[in-house]
Structures are given as C-alpha cells and as structure tokens.
Amino acid sequence: MNMETTCEPCALRAAGDTARADAIEAIRTQRLALAAVSDGTPSVEINCRACLLRLCEALLHLYSESLVLIAGGDRDAAARPIEHDLLTRLDKEREHRWL
C-alpha cells in the first residue's frame, strides 16, 4: 500500500522510526481494549487504512492468544470450539441459500 498520509504512526514509519510508531500503536490498542473491557466508549479515532489494518491484526492476535490462554495453552483445544462454530454457521448459511 503506497498512500500518502499525515497520521503520526505512518509518518514515523516512513521516516524509519518504526519503534516509536509501534509504541504509539500499542498505546492505541491498549486504550481500545481497556475501553472494551470497561464498557466504556473508545476515545481513539483512526482515519488511516494502514493503521486500521495494523490495529485489526493486533486485536486479532490478542483475541486468539487469549483463547489459547483460556484453553490452558493448548492451541488445538482453543481451535476446536472455533472450528465447530464456524462449521455450524457455514451449514446454516448453506441451508439458507438453498431454501
């Protein structure tokens, strides 16, 4: 993706300061996670597609690692209920399309 932006993390990345960009994005991710678990309203606005994609990747990573932690560190055990739910949803979607 080669788009010009004025957002701070992307400007820092373009200047080669990825450590500072990562630090800013980590703070933003933690603010959003804290707001979500506290039933608060997130106070972070993201208007940059590249930043939004990195945020989604970070949150998906946190979500999946939390599931593994809940499953006692067993990745297969964490995957089983997700696979089951996905197959159930796919089956329902197939039924719906053919009715």
Protein backbone atom coordinates (compact mmCIF):
# COMPACT_ATOMS: atom_id res chain seq x y z
CA MET A 1 0.00 0.00 0.00
CA ASN A 2 1.58 3.26 -1.09
CA MET A 3 -0.64 6.06 0.10
CA GLU A 4 0.42 9.39 1.48
CA THR A 5 -0.78 10.08 4.97
CA THR A 6 -0.42 12.62 7.71
CA CYS A 7 -1.11 10.24 10.57
CA GLU A 8 1.68 10.13 13.12
CA PRO A 9 2.43 6.38 13.11
CA CYS A 10 2.64 6.21 9.31
CA ALA A 11 4.77 9.36 9.13
CA LEU A 12 7.11 7.83 11.72
CA ARG A 13 7.26 4.56 9.76
CA ALA A 14 8.05 6.46 6.56
CA ALA A 15 10.87 8.23 8.41
CA GLY A 16 12.23 4.88 9.61
CA ASP A 17 11.20 5.26 13.26
CA THR A 18 9.21 2.03 13.50
CA ALA A 19 9.91 1.62 17.23
CA ARG A 20 8.11 4.89 18.04
CA ALA A 21 5.29 4.06 15.59
CA ASP A 22 4.87 0.64 17.24
CA ALA A 23 4.81 2.28 20.68
CA ILE A 24 2.07 4.73 19.65
CA GLU A 25 0.00 1.94 18.09
CA ALA A 26 0.45 -0.27 21.17
CA ILE A 27 -0.91 2.54 23.35
CA ARG A 28 -3.87 3.00 20.99
CA THR A 29 -4.57 -0.75 21.02
CA GLN A 30 -4.45 -0.89 24.82
CA ARG A 31 -6.79 2.12 25.09
CA LEU A 32 -9.33 0.41 22.87
CA ALA A 33 -9.01 -2.90 24.74
CA LEU A 34 -9.37 -1.14 28.08
CA ALA A 35 -12.47 0.69 26.89
CA ALA A 36 -13.96 -2.58 25.64
CA VAL A 37 -13.47 -4.44 28.93
CA SER A 38 -14.56 -1.43 30.97
CA ASP A 39 -17.80 -0.93 28.98
CA GLY A 40 -16.51 2.49 28.06
CA THR A 41 -16.54 4.33 24.82
CA PRO A 42 -13.27 4.18 22.93
CA SER A 43 -11.69 7.61 22.68
CA VAL A 44 -9.46 6.73 19.75
CA GLU A 45 -10.29 7.72 16.20
CA ILE A 46 -8.45 6.03 13.36
CA ASN A 47 -8.77 7.56 9.92
CA CYS A 48 -5.86 5.78 8.26
CA ARG A 49 -6.44 2.48 6.46
CA ALA A 50 -2.91 1.20 7.13
CA CYS A 51 -3.22 1.96 10.86
CA LEU A 52 -6.67 0.38 11.00
CA LEU A 53 -5.36 -2.80 9.38
CA ARG A 54 -2.46 -3.00 11.85
CA LEU A 55 -4.94 -2.44 14.72
CA CYS A 56 -7.15 -5.27 13.45
CA GLU A 57 -4.13 -7.56 13.25
CA ALA A 58 -3.08 -6.64 16.79
CA LEU A 59 -6.56 -7.18 18.21
CA LEU A 60 -6.98 -10.49 16.40
CA HIS A 61 -3.64 -11.61 17.81
CA LEU A 62 -4.68 -10.60 21.34
CA TYR A 63 -8.04 -12.36 20.92
CA SER A 64 -6.52 -15.59 19.63
CA GLU A 65 -3.78 -15.66 22.27
CA SER A 66 -6.43 -15.09 24.96
CA LEU A 67 -8.35 -18.12 23.69
CA VAL A 68 -5.17 -20.22 23.83
CA LEU A 69 -4.53 -18.99 27.38
CA ILE A 70 -8.09 -19.90 28.41
CA ALA A 71 -7.53 -23.36 26.89
CA GLY A 72 -4.52 -23.86 29.14
CA GLY A 73 -2.00 -23.15 26.40
CA ASP A 74 -3.38 -25.88 24.14
CA ARG A 75 -3.81 -24.38 20.67
CA ASP A 76 -5.76 -27.40 19.40
CA ALA A 77 -8.19 -27.14 22.32
CA ALA A 78 -8.59 -23.42 21.61
CA ALA A 79 -9.26 -24.10 17.92
CA ARG A 80 -11.90 -26.83 18.37
CA PRO A 81 -14.82 -24.62 19.51
CA ILE A 82 -13.99 -22.06 16.83
CA GLU A 83 -13.95 -24.75 14.14
CA HIS A 84 -17.22 -26.20 15.45
CA ASP A 85 -18.93 -22.79 15.47
CA LEU A 86 -17.60 -21.97 12.01
CA LEU A 87 -18.85 -25.26 10.55
CA THR A 88 -22.24 -24.73 12.20
CA ARG A 89 -22.53 -21.24 10.73
CA LEU A 90 -21.43 -22.45 7.29
CA ASP A 91 -24.01 -25.26 7.40
CA LYS A 92 -26.77 -22.79 8.34
CA GLU A 93 -25.71 -20.45 5.54
CA ARG A 94 -25.77 -23.31 3.03
CA GLU A 95 -29.26 -24.32 4.20
CA HIS A 96 -30.45 -20.74 3.92
CA ARG A 97 -29.14 -20.31 0.38
CA TRP A 98 -30.82 -23.47 -0.89
CA LEU A 99 -34.25 -22.91 0.59
